[in-house]
Protein backbone atom coordinates (compact mmCIF):
# COMPACT_ATOMS: atom_id res chain seq x y z
CA MET A 1 39.39 80.91 -52.75
CA SER A 2 37.09 81.87 -55.61
CA LEU A 3 35.14 79.23 -57.49
CA ASP A 4 34.17 81.55 -60.34
CA HIS A 5 33.79 79.17 -63.30
CA ASP A 6 32.64 80.04 -66.78
CA PHE A 7 30.15 77.19 -67.22
CA GLU A 8 28.56 78.67 -70.34
CA ALA A 9 31.85 78.56 -72.25
CA ARG A 10 32.53 74.94 -71.24
CA GLN A 11 29.03 73.54 -71.36
CA GLN A 12 29.01 69.83 -72.15
CA ALA A 13 27.03 68.84 -75.24
CA MET A 14 24.33 66.23 -74.67
CA TYR A 15 22.16 64.46 -77.25
CA LEU A 16 19.16 62.27 -76.42
CA VAL A 17 18.07 59.47 -78.76
CA MET A 18 14.46 58.41 -78.29
CA GLY A 19 11.60 57.00 -80.25
CA GLY A 20 8.19 55.45 -80.18
CA GLN A 21 4.89 55.21 -81.96
CA VAL A 22 3.66 58.46 -83.51
CA ALA A 23 0.10 59.47 -84.38
CA ASP A 24 1.07 60.46 -87.94
CA PRO A 25 4.21 59.21 -89.76
CA ALA A 26 4.77 62.75 -91.08
CA GLY A 27 4.64 64.25 -87.58
CA THR A 28 6.44 64.04 -84.25
CA GLU A 29 3.56 63.62 -81.78
CA PHE A 30 3.99 60.39 -79.84
CA THR A 31 0.87 58.38 -79.04
CA ASP A 32 2.04 57.28 -75.56
CA LEU A 33 4.79 59.16 -73.74
CA THR A 34 4.97 56.43 -71.10
CA ASP A 35 6.03 53.95 -73.79
CA LEU A 36 8.98 55.86 -75.28
CA ASP A 37 12.11 53.91 -76.13
CA ILE A 38 14.98 55.93 -74.65
CA ARG A 39 18.21 54.74 -76.27
CA GLY A 40 20.45 57.02 -74.22
CA VAL A 41 22.21 60.34 -73.83
CA PHE A 42 25.41 60.85 -75.81
CA PRO A 43 28.25 63.39 -75.62
CA SER A 44 28.52 63.89 -79.39
CA TYR A 45 26.15 64.14 -82.31
CA ASP A 46 28.09 61.43 -84.16
CA GLU A 47 27.54 58.92 -81.34
CA ALA A 48 23.85 59.84 -81.16
CA LEU A 49 23.54 59.50 -84.94
CA THR A 50 25.04 56.00 -84.89
CA THR A 51 22.53 54.94 -82.22
CA TRP A 52 19.66 56.63 -84.07
CA ARG A 53 20.55 54.83 -87.32
CA GLY A 54 20.52 51.46 -85.56
CA ALA A 55 17.16 52.13 -83.92
CA ALA A 56 15.64 53.47 -87.14
CA GLN A 57 16.90 50.43 -89.08
CA GLU A 58 15.38 48.04 -86.52
CA THR A 59 11.94 49.62 -87.08
CA VAL A 60 12.18 50.39 -90.80
CA ASP A 61 9.06 48.32 -91.55
CA GLN A 62 6.95 50.06 -88.89
CA ALA A 63 5.70 53.28 -90.47
CA PHE A 64 4.28 54.65 -87.21
CA VAL A 65 7.51 54.24 -85.21
CA LYS A 66 9.89 57.18 -85.31
CA TYR A 67 13.23 57.85 -83.64
CA MET A 68 14.79 61.26 -83.19
CA ILE A 69 17.84 63.01 -81.82
CA VAL A 70 17.19 65.84 -79.38
CA ARG A 71 19.96 68.23 -78.40
CA LEU A 72 19.64 68.76 -74.67
CA ARG A 73 22.39 71.35 -74.42
């Protein structure tokens, strides 16, 4: 029995939503990687975007806090 699967063609999309304090509001360098707020990994960009919007809205008054969506695969 052959288990020859085409994983590349069926690769599951994954999006990470994370944030934290950045050194410069115009940049993406976090000041403390041990203090990142990981909101989760999501199977679609739309789900990640909804979570990102909520996190960004919660911290709208904190100029040095930034959230981002990272495509993992």
